[in-house]
Amino acid sequence: MEKIFLASPYMRGEGFEREFVKEVFDTNCIALLRHKANGFSKMGSTDNALALHSDTSAILLALAATGV
């Protein structure tokens, strides 16, 4: 039976995704989010930042924060 994907896998030409997957296998740790989130928060100009795992989570959080 042929698989029907809801979304085709896609990796950008720069290979960032491959580097992240390699890092997970090299460190044997899936929970690299804290390391990445800390770097992400340093790029911004605010002390309050939040890293989420999906766009849906971000939308729900934004709606809850605005009282919708």
PDB file of N, CA and C in Angstrom:
ATOM      1  N   MET A   1       0.840  -1.170   0.000  1.00  0.00           N
ATOM      2  CA  MET A   1       0.000   0.000   0.000  1.00  0.00           C
ATOM      3  C   MET A   1       0.892   1.243   0.000  1.00  0.00           C
ATOM      4  N   GLU A   2       0.575   2.185  -0.840  1.00  0.00           N
ATOM      5  CA  GLU A   2       1.363   3.410  -0.951  1.00  0.00           C
ATOM      6  C   GLU A   2       0.989   4.381   0.170  1.00  0.00           C
ATOM      7  N   LYS A   3       2.002   5.002   0.765  1.00  0.00           N
ATOM      8  CA  LYS A   3       1.758   5.990   1.812  1.00  0.00           C
ATOM      9  C   LYS A   3       1.332   7.302   1.174  1.00  0.00           C
ATOM     10  N   ILE A   4       0.373   7.963   1.783  1.00  0.00           N
ATOM     11  CA  ILE A   4      -0.046   9.290   1.342  1.00  0.00           C
ATOM     12  C   ILE A   4       0.314  10.248   2.468  1.00  0.00           C
ATOM     13  N   PHE A   5       1.254  11.137   2.205  1.00  0.00           N
ATOM     14  CA  PHE A   5       1.723  12.077   3.218  1.00  0.00           C
ATOM     15  C   PHE A   5       0.829  13.315   3.244  1.00  0.00           C
ATOM     16  N   LEU A   6       0.515  13.788   4.434  1.00  0.00           N
ATOM     17  CA  LEU A   6      -0.208  15.049   4.556  1.00  0.00           C
ATOM     18  C   LEU A   6       0.684  16.206   4.150  1.00  0.00           C
ATOM     19  N   ALA A   7       1.948  16.082   4.443  1.00  0.00           N
ATOM     20  CA  ALA A   7       2.927  17.098   4.054  1.00  0.00           C
ATOM     21  C   ALA A   7       4.212  16.371   3.698  1.00  0.00           C
ATOM     22  N   SER A   8       4.773  16.700   2.577  1.00  0.00           N
ATOM     23  CA  SER A   8       6.016  16.061   2.158  1.00  0.00           C
ATOM     24  C   SER A   8       7.174  16.557   3.007  1.00  0.00           C
ATOM     25  N   PRO A   9       8.091  15.670   3.391  1.00  0.00           N
ATOM     26  CA  PRO A   9       9.270  16.113   4.135  1.00  0.00           C
ATOM     27  C   PRO A   9      10.080  17.095   3.295  1.00  0.00           C
ATOM     28  N   TYR A  10      10.580  18.115   3.931  1.00  0.00           N
ATOM     29  CA  TYR A  10      11.346  19.128   3.203  1.00  0.00           C
ATOM     30  C   TYR A  10      12.513  19.573   4.063  1.00  0.00           C
ATOM     31  N   MET A  11      13.688  19.623   3.479  1.00  0.00           N
ATOM     32  CA  MET A  11      14.860  20.169   4.149  1.00  0.00           C
ATOM     33  C   MET A  11      15.443  21.249   3.262  1.00  0.00           C
ATOM     34  N   ARG A  12      15.729  22.377   3.871  1.00  0.00           N
ATOM     35  CA  ARG A  12      16.306  23.483   3.112  1.00  0.00           C
ATOM     36  C   ARG A  12      17.681  23.114   2.593  1.00  0.00           C
ATOM     37  N   GLY A  13      18.105  23.801   1.564  1.00  0.00           N
ATOM     38  CA  GLY A  13      19.400  23.526   0.958  1.00  0.00           C
ATOM     39  C   GLY A  13      20.579  23.776   1.878  1.00  0.00           C
ATOM     40  N   GLU A  14      20.391  24.654   2.888  1.00  0.00           N
ATOM     41  CA  GLU A  14      21.502  24.982   3.786  1.00  0.00           C
ATOM     42  C   GLU A  14      21.881  23.807   4.680  1.00  0.00           C
ATOM     43  N   GLY A  15      20.977  22.868   4.888  1.00  0.00           N
ATOM     44  CA  GLY A  15      21.274  21.684   5.683  1.00  0.00           C
ATOM     45  C   GLY A  15      21.192  21.872   7.183  1.00  0.00           C
ATOM     46  N   PHE A  16      20.522  22.931   7.658  1.00  0.00           N
ATOM     47  CA  PHE A  16      20.412  23.152   9.099  1.00  0.00           C
ATOM     48  C   PHE A  16      19.730  21.975   9.786  1.00  0.00           C
ATOM     49  N   GLU A  17      18.685  21.455   9.152  1.00  0.00           N
ATOM     50  CA  GLU A  17      17.943  20.354   9.757  1.00  0.00           C
ATOM     51  C   GLU A  17      18.829  19.129   9.937  1.00  0.00           C
ATOM     52  N   ARG A  18      19.653  18.843   8.937  1.00  0.00           N
ATOM     53  CA  ARG A  18      20.552  17.690   9.040  1.00  0.00           C
ATOM     54  C   ARG A  18      21.530  17.880  10.201  1.00  0.00           C
ATOM     55  N   GLU A  19      22.013  19.107  10.391  1.00  0.00           N
ATOM     56  CA  GLU A  19      22.935  19.385  11.497  1.00  0.00           C
ATOM     57  C   GLU A  19      22.254  19.143  12.837  1.00  0.00           C
ATOM     58  N   PHE A  20      20.990  19.572  12.968  1.00  0.00           N
ATOM     59  CA  PHE A  20      20.266  19.390  14.221  1.00  0.00           C
ATOM     60  C   PHE A  20      20.015  17.910  14.502  1.00  0.00           C
ATOM     61  N   VAL A  21      19.639  17.154  13.475  1.00  0.00           N
ATOM     62  CA  VAL A  21      19.415  15.719  13.651  1.00  0.00           C
ATOM     63  C   VAL A  21      20.721  15.031  14.031  1.00  0.00           C
ATOM     64  N   LYS A  22      21.814  15.411  13.387  1.00  0.00           N
ATOM     65  CA  LYS A  22      23.129  14.842  13.704  1.00  0.00           C
ATOM     66  C   LYS A  22      23.508  15.154  15.151  1.00  0.00           C
ATOM     67  N   GLU A  23      23.226  16.382  15.589  1.00  0.00           N
ATOM     68  CA  GLU A  23      23.532  16.766  16.967  1.00  0.00           C
ATOM     69  C   GLU A  23      22.755  15.901  17.962  1.00  0.00           C
ATOM     70  N   VAL A  24      21.495  15.607  17.658  1.00  0.00           N
ATOM     71  CA  VAL A  24      20.689  14.751  18.528  1.00  0.00           C
ATOM     72  C   VAL A  24      21.312  13.365  18.637  1.00  0.00           C
ATOM     73  N   PHE A  25      21.721  12.792  17.500  1.00  0.00           N
ATOM     74  CA  PHE A  25      22.334  11.464  17.534  1.00  0.00           C
ATOM     75  C   PHE A  25      23.700  11.495  18.219  1.00  0.00           C
ATOM     76  N   ASP A  26      24.480  12.536  17.970  1.00  0.00           N
ATOM     77  CA  ASP A  26      25.814  12.627  18.573  1.00  0.00           C
ATOM     78  C   ASP A  26      25.757  12.773  20.090  1.00  0.00           C
ATOM     79  N   THR A  27      24.788  13.543  20.586  1.00  0.00           N
ATOM     80  CA  THR A  27      24.689  13.796  22.024  1.00  0.00           C
ATOM     81  C   THR A  27      23.758  12.822  22.734  1.00  0.00           C
ATOM     82  N   ASN A  28      23.014  12.019  21.951  1.00  0.00           N
ATOM     83  CA  ASN A  28      22.031  11.088  22.505  1.00  0.00           C
ATOM     84  C   ASN A  28      21.025  11.819  23.384  1.00  0.00           C
ATOM     85  N   CYS A  29      20.640  13.002  22.963  1.00  0.00           N
ATOM     86  CA  CYS A  29      19.720  13.837  23.732  1.00  0.00           C
ATOM     87  C   CYS A  29      18.718  14.488  22.791  1.00  0.00           C
ATOM     88  N   ILE A  30      17.443  14.234  23.035  1.00  0.00           N
ATOM     89  CA  ILE A  30      16.407  14.833  22.194  1.00  0.00           C
ATOM     90  C   ILE A  30      16.057  16.227  22.701  1.00  0.00           C
ATOM     91  N   ALA A  31      16.238  16.473  23.983  1.00  0.00           N
ATOM     92  CA  ALA A  31      15.806  17.721  24.602  1.00  0.00           C
ATOM     93  C   ALA A  31      16.852  18.816  24.441  1.00  0.00           C
ATOM     94  N   LEU A  32      17.126  19.186  23.201  1.00  0.00           N
ATOM     95  CA  LEU A  32      18.093  20.251  22.943  1.00  0.00           C
ATOM     96  C   LEU A  32      17.435  21.623  22.910  1.00  0.00           C
ATOM     97  N   LEU A  33      16.134  21.663  23.179  1.00  0.00           N
ATOM     98  CA  LEU A  33      15.397  22.915  23.046  1.00  0.00           C
ATOM     99  C   LEU A  33      15.950  24.012  23.942  1.00  0.00           C
ATOM    100  N   ARG A  34      16.293  23.677  25.169  1.00  0.00           N
ATOM    101  CA  ARG A  34      16.778  24.711  26.089  1.00  0.00           C
ATOM    102  C   ARG A  34      18.019  25.396  25.523  1.00  0.00           C
ATOM    103  N   HIS A  35      18.952  24.614  25.000  1.00  0.00           N
ATOM    104  CA  HIS A  35      20.168  25.169  24.400  1.00  0.00           C
ATOM    105  C   HIS A  35      19.818  26.093  23.234  1.00  0.00           C
ATOM    106  N   LYS A  36      18.921  25.660  22.371  1.00  0.00           N
ATOM    107  CA  LYS A  36      18.524  26.459  21.204  1.00  0.00           C
ATOM    108  C   LYS A  36      17.705  27.671  21.635  1.00  0.00           C
ATOM    109  N   ALA A  37      16.835  27.496  22.616  1.00  0.00           N
ATOM    110  CA  ALA A  37      15.991  28.598  23.073  1.00  0.00           C
ATOM    111  C   ALA A  37      16.824  29.694  23.724  1.00  0.00           C
ATOM    112  N   ASN A  38      17.843  29.318  24.471  1.00  0.00           N
ATOM    113  CA  ASN A  38      18.705  30.327  25.088  1.00  0.00           C
ATOM    114  C   ASN A  38      19.408  31.158  24.028  1.00  0.00           C
ATOM    115  N   GLY A  39      19.898  30.521  22.985  1.00  0.00           N
ATOM    116  CA  GLY A  39      20.525  31.252  21.886  1.00  0.00           C
ATOM    117  C   GLY A  39      19.532  32.139  21.167  1.00  0.00           C
ATOM    118  N   PHE A  40      18.313  31.645  20.997  1.00  0.00           N
ATOM    119  CA  PHE A  40      17.266  32.420  20.336  1.00  0.00           C
ATOM    120  C   PHE A  40      16.902  33.655  21.149  1.00  0.00           C
ATOM    121  N   SER A  41      16.788  33.504  22.462  1.00  0.00           N
ATOM    122  CA  SER A  41      16.390  34.634  23.299  1.00  0.00           C
ATOM    123  C   SER A  41      17.464  35.717  23.331  1.00  0.00           C
ATOM    124  N   LYS A  42      18.727  35.349  23.145  1.00  0.00           N
ATOM    125  CA  LYS A  42      19.800  36.347  23.114  1.00  0.00           C
ATOM    126  C   LYS A  42      19.745  37.187  21.839  1.00  0.00           C
ATOM    127  N   MET A  43      19.144  36.657  20.775  1.00  0.00           N
ATOM    128  CA  MET A  43      19.048  37.390  19.512  1.00  0.00           C
ATOM    129  C   MET A  43      18.018  38.505  19.594  1.00  0.00           C
ATOM    130  N   GLY A  44      17.023  38.357  20.449  1.00  0.00           N
ATOM    131  CA  GLY A  44      15.946  39.333  20.544  1.00  0.00           C
ATOM    132  C   GLY A  44      16.319  40.498  21.437  1.00  0.00           C
ATOM    133  N   SER A  45      15.455  41.499  21.445  1.00  0.00           N
ATOM    134  CA  SER A  45      15.718  42.686  22.258  1.00  0.00           C
ATOM    135  C   SER A  45      14.792  42.727  23.470  1.00  0.00           C
ATOM    136  N   THR A  46      14.381  41.568  23.947  1.00  0.00           N
ATOM    137  CA  THR A  46      13.489  41.512  25.091  1.00  0.00           C
ATOM    138  C   THR A  46      13.986  40.478  26.096  1.00  0.00           C
ATOM    139  N   ASP A  47      13.601  40.677  27.333  1.00  0.00           N
ATOM    140  CA  ASP A  47      13.946  39.707  28.366  1.00  0.00           C
ATOM    141  C   ASP A  47      12.894  38.603  28.461  1.00  0.00           C
ATOM    142  N   ASN A  48      11.755  38.820  27.811  1.00  0.00           N
ATOM    143  CA  ASN A  48      10.654  37.866  27.879  1.00  0.00           C
ATOM    144  C   ASN A  48      10.444  37.224  26.517  1.00  0.00           C
ATOM    145  N   ALA A  49      10.860  35.970  26.397  1.00  0.00           N
ATOM    146  CA  ALA A  49      10.688  35.233  25.145  1.00  0.00           C
ATOM    147  C   ALA A  49      10.263  33.814  25.477  1.00  0.00           C
ATOM    148  N   LEU A  50       9.577  33.200  24.533  1.00  0.00           N
ATOM    149  CA  LEU A  50       9.094  31.846  24.756  1.00  0.00           C
ATOM    150  C   LEU A  50       9.264  31.044  23.479  1.00  0.00           C
ATOM    151  N   ALA A  51       9.859  29.879  23.579  1.00  0.00           N
ATOM    152  CA  ALA A  51      10.011  28.988  22.428  1.00  0.00           C
ATOM    153  C   ALA A  51       8.942  27.911  22.520  1.00  0.00           C
ATOM    154  N   LEU A  52       8.217  27.726  21.446  1.00  0.00           N
ATOM    155  CA  LEU A  52       7.156  26.722  21.401  1.00  0.00           C
ATOM    156  C   LEU A  52       7.439  25.720  20.299  1.00  0.00           C
ATOM    157  N   HIS A  53       6.816  24.562  20.383  1.00  0.00           N
ATOM    158  CA  HIS A  53       7.095  23.497  19.420  1.00  0.00           C
ATOM    159  C   HIS A  53       6.256  23.575  18.156  1.00  0.00           C
ATOM    160  N   SER A  54       5.249  24.452  18.112  1.00  0.00           N
ATOM    161  CA  SER A  54       4.430  24.507  16.906  1.00  0.00           C
ATOM    162  C   SER A  54       3.785  25.877  16.752  1.00  0.00           C
ATOM    163  N   ASP A  55       3.384  26.169  15.524  1.00  0.00           N
ATOM    164  CA  ASP A  55       2.665  27.416  15.253  1.00  0.00           C
ATOM    165  C   ASP A  55       1.325  27.424  15.975  1.00  0.00           C
ATOM    166  N   THR A  56       0.691  26.274  16.043  1.00  0.00           N
ATOM    167  CA  THR A  56      -0.605  26.183  16.713  1.00  0.00           C
ATOM    168  C   THR A  56      -0.476  26.565  18.179  1.00  0.00           C
ATOM    169  N   SER A  57       0.562  26.096  18.835  1.00  0.00           N
ATOM    170  CA  SER A  57       0.787  26.464  20.237  1.00  0.00           C
ATOM    171  C   SER A  57       0.993  27.961  20.372  1.00  0.00           C
ATOM    172  N   ALA A  58       1.727  28.549  19.441  1.00  0.00           N
ATOM    173  CA  ALA A  58       1.973  29.990  19.482  1.00  0.00           C
ATOM    174  C   ALA A  58       0.677  30.773  19.309  1.00  0.00           C
ATOM    175  N   ILE A  59      -0.167  30.338  18.389  1.00  0.00           N
ATOM    176  CA  ILE A  59      -1.444  31.022  18.162  1.00  0.00           C
ATOM    177  C   ILE A  59      -2.334  30.901  19.393  1.00  0.00           C
ATOM    178  N   LEU A  60      -2.438  29.701  19.956  1.00  0.00           N
ATOM    179  CA  LEU A  60      -3.268  29.510  21.146  1.00  0.00           C
ATOM    180  C   LEU A  60      -2.768  30.343  22.317  1.00  0.00           C
ATOM    181  N   LEU A  61      -1.460  30.412  22.491  1.00  0.00           N
ATOM    182  CA  LEU A  61      -0.890  31.209  23.570  1.00  0.00           C
ATOM    183  C   LEU A  61      -1.159  32.696  23.355  1.00  0.00           C
ATOM    184  N   ALA A  62      -1.004  33.162  22.124  1.00  0.00           N
ATOM    185  CA  ALA A  62      -1.267  34.571  21.817  1.00  0.00           C
ATOM    186  C   ALA A  62      -2.733  34.914  22.069  1.00  0.00           C
ATOM    187  N   LEU A  63      -3.636  34.032  21.680  1.00  0.00           N
ATOM    188  CA  LEU A  63      -5.064  34.267  21.921  1.00  0.00           C
ATOM    189  C   LEU A  63      -5.367  34.295  23.411  1.00  0.00           C
ATOM    190  N   ALA A  64      -4.784  33.375  24.162  1.00  0.00           N
ATOM    191  CA  ALA A  64      -5.009  33.344  25.608  1.00  0.00           C
ATOM    192  C   ALA A  64      -4.441  34.589  26.274  1.00  0.00           C
ATOM    193  N   ALA A  65      -3.275  35.039  25.827  1.00  0.00           N
ATOM    194  CA  ALA A  65      -2.636  36.218  26.420  1.00  0.00           C
ATOM    195  C   ALA A  65      -3.431  37.488  26.158  1.00  0.00           C
ATOM    196  N   THR A  66      -4.141  37.529  25.038  1.00  0.00           N
ATOM    197  CA  THR A  66      -4.930  38.722  24.712  1.00  0.00           C
ATOM    198  C   THR A  66      -6.370  38.602  25.187  1.00  0.00           C
ATOM    199  N   GLY A  67      -6.690  37.491  25.842  1.00  0.00           N
ATOM    200  CA  GLY A  67      -8.017  37.332  26.413  1.00  0.00           C
ATOM    201  C   GLY A  67      -9.082  36.877  25.432  1.00  0.00           C
ATOM    202  N   VAL A  68      -8.667  36.361  24.296  1.00  0.00           N
ATOM    203  CA  VAL A  68      -9.654  35.904  23.302  1.00  0.00           C
ATOM    204  C   VAL A  68     -10.087  34.498  23.643  1.00  0.00           C
TER     205      VAL A  68
END
